[in-house]
PDB file of all heavy atoms in Angstrom:
ATOM      1  N   VAL A   1      -7.451   4.055   6.743  1.00  0.00           N
ATOM      2  CA  VAL A   1      -7.262   4.886   5.521  1.00  0.00           C
ATOM      3  C   VAL A   1      -6.773   3.848   4.393  1.00  0.00           C
ATOM      4  O   VAL A   1      -5.829   3.159   4.620  1.00  0.00           O
ATOM      5  CB  VAL A   1      -6.080   5.928   5.742  1.00  0.00           C
ATOM      6  CG1 VAL A   1      -5.893   6.784   4.501  1.00  0.00           C
ATOM      7  CG2 VAL A   1      -6.517   6.834   7.062  1.00  0.00           C
ATOM      8  N   LYS A   2      -7.499   3.915   3.237  1.00  0.00           N
ATOM      9  CA  LYS A   2      -7.325   2.902   2.229  1.00  0.00           C
ATOM     10  C   LYS A   2      -7.122   3.549   0.858  1.00  0.00           C
ATOM     11  O   LYS A   2      -7.833   4.205   0.395  1.00  0.00           O
ATOM     12  CB  LYS A   2      -8.571   1.939   2.125  1.00  0.00           C
ATOM     13  CG  LYS A   2      -8.945   1.225   3.392  1.00  0.00           C
ATOM     14  CD  LYS A   2     -10.109   0.366   3.127  1.00  0.00           C
ATOM     15  CE  LYS A   2     -10.261  -0.607   4.348  1.00  0.00           C
ATOM     16  NZ  LYS A   2     -11.394  -1.523   4.037  1.00  0.00           N
ATOM     17  N   SER A   3      -5.966   3.172   0.335  1.00  0.00           N
ATOM     18  CA  SER A   3      -5.564   3.512  -1.143  1.00  0.00           C
ATOM     19  C   SER A   3      -6.587   2.887  -2.080  1.00  0.00           C
ATOM     20  O   SER A   3      -6.898   1.579  -1.873  1.00  0.00           O
ATOM     21  CB  SER A   3      -4.246   3.158  -1.505  1.00  0.00           C
ATOM     22  OG  SER A   3      -3.203   3.792  -0.545  1.00  0.00           O
ATOM     23  N   GLN A   4      -7.193   3.453  -3.048  1.00  0.00           N
ATOM     24  CA  GLN A   4      -8.044   2.862  -3.893  1.00  0.00           C
ATOM     25  C   GLN A   4      -7.338   2.841  -5.355  1.00  0.00           C
ATOM     26  O   GLN A   4      -7.102   3.613  -6.020  1.00  0.00           O
ATOM     27  CB  GLN A   4      -9.272   3.772  -4.104  1.00  0.00           C
ATOM     28  CG  GLN A   4     -10.000   3.963  -2.795  1.00  0.00           C
ATOM     29  CD  GLN A   4     -10.669   2.669  -2.265  1.00  0.00           C
ATOM     30  OE1 GLN A   4     -11.717   2.173  -2.958  1.00  0.00           O
ATOM     31  NE2 GLN A   4     -10.131   2.056  -1.273  1.00  0.00           N
ATOM     32  N   ILE A   5      -6.965   1.463  -5.615  1.00  0.00           N
ATOM     33  CA  ILE A   5      -6.499   1.083  -6.878  1.00  0.00           C
ATOM     34  C   ILE A   5      -7.120  -0.223  -7.361  1.00  0.00           C
ATOM     35  O   ILE A   5      -7.615  -0.971  -6.481  1.00  0.00           O
ATOM     36  CB  ILE A   5      -4.911   0.921  -6.946  1.00  0.00           C
ATOM     37  CG1 ILE A   5      -4.470  -0.056  -6.016  1.00  0.00           C
ATOM     38  CG2 ILE A   5      -4.159   2.276  -6.714  1.00  0.00           C
ATOM     39  CD1 ILE A   5      -2.915  -0.382  -6.116  1.00  0.00           C
ATOM     40  N   HIS A   6      -7.051  -0.509  -8.628  1.00  0.00           N
ATOM     41  CA  HIS A   6      -7.685  -1.737  -9.178  1.00  0.00           C
ATOM     42  C   HIS A   6      -6.498  -2.897  -9.059  1.00  0.00           C
ATOM     43  O   HIS A   6      -6.014  -3.363  -9.916  1.00  0.00           O
ATOM     44  CB  HIS A   6      -8.113  -1.584 -10.592  1.00  0.00           C
ATOM     45  CG  HIS A   6      -9.348  -0.825 -10.769  1.00  0.00           C
ATOM     46  ND1 HIS A   6      -9.851  -0.631 -11.930  1.00  0.00           N
ATOM     47  CD2 HIS A   6     -10.228  -0.241  -9.878  1.00  0.00           C
ATOM     48  CE1 HIS A   6     -10.925   0.067 -11.846  1.00  0.00           C
ATOM     49  NE2 HIS A   6     -11.262   0.207 -10.610  1.00  0.00           N
ATOM     50  N   ALA A   7      -6.305  -3.290  -7.776  1.00  0.00           N
ATOM     51  CA  ALA A   7      -5.319  -4.293  -7.462  1.00  0.00           C
ATOM     52  C   ALA A   7      -5.510  -4.834  -6.093  1.00  0.00           C
ATOM     53  O   ALA A   7      -5.826  -4.032  -5.140  1.00  0.00           O
ATOM     54  CB  ALA A   7      -3.858  -3.937  -7.682  1.00  0.00           C
ATOM     55  N   GLY A   8      -5.346  -6.179  -5.869  1.00  0.00           N
ATOM     56  CA  GLY A   8      -5.370  -6.690  -4.531  1.00  0.00           C
ATOM     57  C   GLY A   8      -4.013  -6.579  -3.754  1.00  0.00           C
ATOM     58  O   GLY A   8      -3.080  -6.195  -4.420  1.00  0.00           O
ATOM     59  N   GLY A   9      -4.091  -7.098  -2.646  1.00  0.00           N
ATOM     60  CA  GLY A   9      -2.857  -7.022  -1.707  1.00  0.00           C
ATOM     61  C   GLY A   9      -2.446  -5.631  -1.389  1.00  0.00           C
ATOM     62  O   GLY A   9      -1.218  -5.374  -1.043  1.00  0.00           O
ATOM     63  N   ARG A  10      -3.277  -4.725  -1.284  1.00  0.00           N
ATOM     64  CA  ARG A  10      -2.865  -3.317  -1.019  1.00  0.00           C
ATOM     65  C   ARG A  10      -2.343  -3.181   0.527  1.00  0.00           C
ATOM     66  O   ARG A  10      -1.402  -2.448   0.619  1.00  0.00           O
ATOM     67  CB  ARG A  10      -4.150  -2.313  -1.087  1.00  0.00           C
ATOM     68  CG  ARG A  10      -4.625  -2.134  -2.509  1.00  0.00           C
ATOM     69  CD  ARG A  10      -5.955  -1.559  -2.520  1.00  0.00           C
ATOM     70  NE  ARG A  10      -7.032  -2.310  -1.775  1.00  0.00           N
ATOM     71  CZ  ARG A  10      -8.162  -1.752  -1.272  1.00  0.00           C
ATOM     72  NH1 ARG A  10      -8.398  -0.621  -1.244  1.00  0.00           N
ATOM     73  NH2 ARG A  10      -9.107  -2.627  -0.711  1.00  0.00           N
ATOM     74  N   GLY A  11      -2.859  -3.914   1.360  1.00  0.00           N
ATOM     75  CA  GLY A  11      -2.384  -3.876   2.793  1.00  0.00           C
ATOM     76  C   GLY A  11      -0.918  -4.331   2.981  1.00  0.00           C
ATOM     77  O   GLY A  11      -0.259  -3.672   3.873  1.00  0.00           O
ATOM     78  N   SER A  12      -0.634  -5.305   2.155  1.00  0.00           N
ATOM     79  CA  SER A  12       0.766  -5.743   2.170  1.00  0.00           C
ATOM     80  C   SER A  12       1.728  -5.185   1.150  1.00  0.00           C
ATOM     81  O   SER A  12       2.917  -5.553   1.077  1.00  0.00           O
ATOM     82  CB  SER A  12       0.843  -7.275   2.069  1.00  0.00           C
ATOM     83  OG  SER A  12       0.321  -7.715   0.860  1.00  0.00           O
ATOM     84  N   GLY A  13       1.226  -4.226   0.413  1.00  0.00           N
ATOM     85  CA  GLY A  13       2.134  -3.622  -0.660  1.00  0.00           C
ATOM     86  C   GLY A  13       3.063  -2.359  -0.017  1.00  0.00           C
ATOM     87  O   GLY A  13       3.112  -2.326   1.294  1.00  0.00           O
ATOM     88  N   TYR A  14       3.699  -1.647  -0.907  1.00  0.00           N
ATOM     89  CA  TYR A  14       4.474  -0.605  -0.419  1.00  0.00           C
ATOM     90  C   TYR A  14       4.395   0.585  -1.506  1.00  0.00           C
ATOM     91  O   TYR A  14       4.047   0.287  -2.696  1.00  0.00           O
ATOM     92  CB  TYR A  14       5.820  -1.083  -0.197  1.00  0.00           C
ATOM     93  CG  TYR A  14       6.632  -1.520  -1.465  1.00  0.00           C
ATOM     94  CD1 TYR A  14       7.347  -0.584  -2.251  1.00  0.00           C
ATOM     95  CD2 TYR A  14       6.529  -2.908  -1.861  1.00  0.00           C
ATOM     96  CE1 TYR A  14       7.955  -1.087  -3.363  1.00  0.00           C
ATOM     97  CE2 TYR A  14       7.198  -3.316  -3.040  1.00  0.00           C
ATOM     98  CZ  TYR A  14       7.953  -2.499  -3.793  1.00  0.00           C
ATOM     99  OH  TYR A  14       8.526  -2.936  -4.966  1.00  0.00           O
ATOM    100  N   PHE A  15       4.782   1.744  -1.173  1.00  0.00           N
ATOM    101  CA  PHE A  15       4.819   2.820  -1.915  1.00  0.00           C
ATOM    102  C   PHE A  15       6.256   3.026  -2.506  1.00  0.00           C
ATOM    103  O   PHE A  15       7.280   2.869  -1.748  1.00  0.00           O
ATOM    104  CB  PHE A  15       4.293   4.144  -1.258  1.00  0.00           C
ATOM    105  CG  PHE A  15       2.894   4.217  -1.022  1.00  0.00           C
ATOM    106  CD1 PHE A  15       2.284   3.683   0.285  1.00  0.00           C
ATOM    107  CD2 PHE A  15       2.014   4.660  -1.931  1.00  0.00           C
ATOM    108  CE1 PHE A  15       0.964   3.792   0.455  1.00  0.00           C
ATOM    109  CE2 PHE A  15       0.582   4.736  -1.616  1.00  0.00           C
ATOM    110  CZ  PHE A  15       0.131   4.206  -0.475  1.00  0.00           C
ATOM    111  N   LEU A  16       6.292   3.321  -3.885  1.00  0.00           N
ATOM    112  CA  LEU A  16       7.627   3.645  -4.364  1.00  0.00           C
ATOM    113  C   LEU A  16       8.402   4.556  -3.607  1.00  0.00           C
ATOM    114  O   LEU A  16       7.881   5.572  -3.198  1.00  0.00           O
ATOM    115  CB  LEU A  16       7.422   4.077  -5.860  1.00  0.00           C
ATOM    116  CG  LEU A  16       7.087   3.038  -6.880  1.00  0.00           C
ATOM    117  CD1 LEU A  16       7.031   3.555  -8.288  1.00  0.00           C
ATOM    118  CD2 LEU A  16       8.089   1.721  -6.966  1.00  0.00           C
ATOM    119  N   ASN A  17       9.729   4.217  -3.415  1.00  0.00           N
ATOM    120  CA  ASN A  17      10.509   4.989  -2.633  1.00  0.00           C
ATOM    121  C   ASN A  17      10.283   5.121  -1.099  1.00  0.00           C
ATOM    122  O   ASN A  17      10.993   5.899  -0.402  1.00  0.00           O
ATOM    123  CB  ASN A  17      10.721   6.481  -3.174  1.00  0.00           C
ATOM    124  CG  ASN A  17      11.132   6.513  -4.681  1.00  0.00           C
ATOM    125  OD1 ASN A  17      11.980   5.846  -5.120  1.00  0.00           O
ATOM    126  ND2 ASN A  17      10.464   7.308  -5.410  1.00  0.00           N
ATOM    127  N   HIS A  18       9.377   4.253  -0.741  1.00  0.00           N
ATOM    128  CA  HIS A  18       9.072   4.180   0.684  1.00  0.00           C
ATOM    129  C   HIS A  18       8.839   2.754   1.120  1.00  0.00           C
ATOM    130  O   HIS A  18       7.901   2.304   1.712  1.00  0.00           O
ATOM    131  CB  HIS A  18       7.732   5.028   0.957  1.00  0.00           C
ATOM    132  CG  HIS A  18       7.851   6.444   0.775  1.00  0.00           C
ATOM    133  ND1 HIS A  18       8.457   7.218   1.606  1.00  0.00           N
ATOM    134  CD2 HIS A  18       7.512   7.210  -0.323  1.00  0.00           C
ATOM    135  CE1 HIS A  18       8.364   8.581   1.147  1.00  0.00           C
ATOM    136  NE2 HIS A  18       7.884   8.554  -0.024  1.00  0.00           N
ATOM    137  N   GLU A  19       9.859   1.853   0.600  1.00  0.00           N
ATOM    138  CA  GLU A  19       9.625   0.460   0.670  1.00  0.00           C
ATOM    139  C   GLU A  19       9.473  -0.132   2.125  1.00  0.00           C
ATOM    140  O   GLU A  19       8.839  -1.137   2.237  1.00  0.00           O
ATOM    141  CB  GLU A  19      10.834  -0.232   0.019  1.00  0.00           C
ATOM    142  CG  GLU A  19      10.817  -0.153  -1.509  1.00  0.00           C
ATOM    143  CD  GLU A  19      11.277   1.087  -1.950  1.00  0.00           C
ATOM    144  OE1 GLU A  19      11.562   1.960  -1.194  1.00  0.00           O
ATOM    145  OE2 GLU A  19      11.288   1.175  -3.331  1.00  0.00           O
ATOM    146  N   ASN A  20      10.077   0.559   3.104  1.00  0.00           N
ATOM    147  CA  ASN A  20       9.960   0.183   4.365  1.00  0.00           C
ATOM    148  C   ASN A  20       8.853   0.647   5.255  1.00  0.00           C
ATOM    149  O   ASN A  20       8.622   0.351   6.380  1.00  0.00           O
ATOM    150  CB  ASN A  20      11.336   0.606   5.161  1.00  0.00           C
ATOM    151  CG  ASN A  20      12.577  -0.038   4.566  1.00  0.00           C
ATOM    152  OD1 ASN A  20      12.433  -1.261   4.153  1.00  0.00           O
ATOM    153  ND2 ASN A  20      13.690   0.622   4.392  1.00  0.00           N
ATOM    154  N   ASP A  21       7.982   1.402   4.608  1.00  0.00           N
ATOM    155  CA  ASP A  21       6.718   2.059   5.312  1.00  0.00           C
ATOM    156  C   ASP A  21       5.655   0.939   5.331  1.00  0.00           C
ATOM    157  O   ASP A  21       5.706  -0.083   4.705  1.00  0.00           O
ATOM    158  CB  ASP A  21       6.262   3.246   4.594  1.00  0.00           C
ATOM    159  CG  ASP A  21       7.140   4.511   5.099  1.00  0.00           C
ATOM    160  OD1 ASP A  21       8.151   4.254   5.965  1.00  0.00           O
ATOM    161  OD2 ASP A  21       6.945   5.590   4.521  1.00  0.00           O
ATOM    162  N   LYS A  22       4.575   1.392   6.069  1.00  0.00           N
ATOM    163  CA  LYS A  22       3.395   0.519   6.069  1.00  0.00           C
ATOM    164  C   LYS A  22       2.821   0.518   4.537  1.00  0.00           C
ATOM    165  O   LYS A  22       3.201   1.351   3.796  1.00  0.00           O
ATOM    166  CB  LYS A  22       2.425   1.104   7.067  1.00  0.00           C
ATOM    167  CG  LYS A  22       2.978   1.041   8.542  1.00  0.00           C
ATOM    168  CD  LYS A  22       2.009   1.792   9.381  1.00  0.00           C
ATOM    169  CE  LYS A  22       2.128   3.333   9.255  1.00  0.00           C
ATOM    170  NZ  LYS A  22       1.302   4.129  10.203  1.00  0.00           N
ATOM    171  N   GLY A  23       1.864  -0.320   4.328  1.00  0.00           N
ATOM    172  CA  GLY A  23       1.287  -0.538   3.091  1.00  0.00           C
ATOM    173  C   GLY A  23       0.184   0.367   2.834  1.00  0.00           C
ATOM    174  O   GLY A  23       0.131   1.574   3.271  1.00  0.00           O
ATOM    175  N   GLY A  24      -0.624   0.034   1.887  1.00  0.00           N
ATOM    176  CA  GLY A  24      -1.630   1.049   1.335  1.00  0.00           C
ATOM    177  C   GLY A  24      -3.023   0.960   2.111  1.00  0.00           C
ATOM    178  O   GLY A  24      -4.067   1.692   1.671  1.00  0.00           O
ATOM    179  N   VAL A  25      -3.014   0.301   3.234  1.00  0.00           N
ATOM    180  CA  VAL A  25      -4.215   0.291   4.201  1.00  0.00           C
ATOM    181  C   VAL A  25      -3.633   0.598   5.550  1.00  0.00           C
ATOM    182  O   VAL A  25      -2.875  -0.310   5.994  1.00  0.00           O
ATOM    183  CB  VAL A  25      -5.020  -1.001   4.034  1.00  0.00           C
ATOM    184  CG1 VAL A  25      -6.167  -1.061   5.082  1.00  0.00           C
ATOM    185  CG2 VAL A  25      -5.451  -1.245   2.649  1.00  0.00           C
ATOM    186  N   ARG A  26      -3.988   1.614   6.202  1.00  0.00           N
ATOM    187  CA  ARG A  26      -3.367   2.003   7.360  1.00  0.00           C
ATOM    188  C   ARG A  26      -4.409   2.401   8.487  1.00  0.00           C
ATOM    189  O   ARG A  26      -5.377   3.113   8.198  1.00  0.00           O
ATOM    190  CB  ARG A  26      -2.416   3.208   7.230  1.00  0.00           C
ATOM    191  CG  ARG A  26      -1.348   2.840   6.207  1.00  0.00           C
ATOM    192  CD  ARG A  26      -0.360   3.973   5.996  1.00  0.00           C
ATOM    193  NE  ARG A  26       0.640   3.558   5.017  1.00  0.00           N
ATOM    194  CZ  ARG A  26       1.709   4.300   4.737  1.00  0.00           C
ATOM    195  NH1 ARG A  26       1.910   5.445   5.321  1.00  0.00           N
ATOM    196  NH2 ARG A  26       2.608   3.905   3.867  1.00  0.00           N
TER     197      ARG A  26
END
C-alpha cells in the first residue's frame, strides 16, 4: 500500500501525529 505524493523517501517517512508508526509504503 503506497501513499502517492510528489516526494521521495515515502517508505522511511512518517505521518503527522503518528511519528512512531510505519512510513508511507506498507
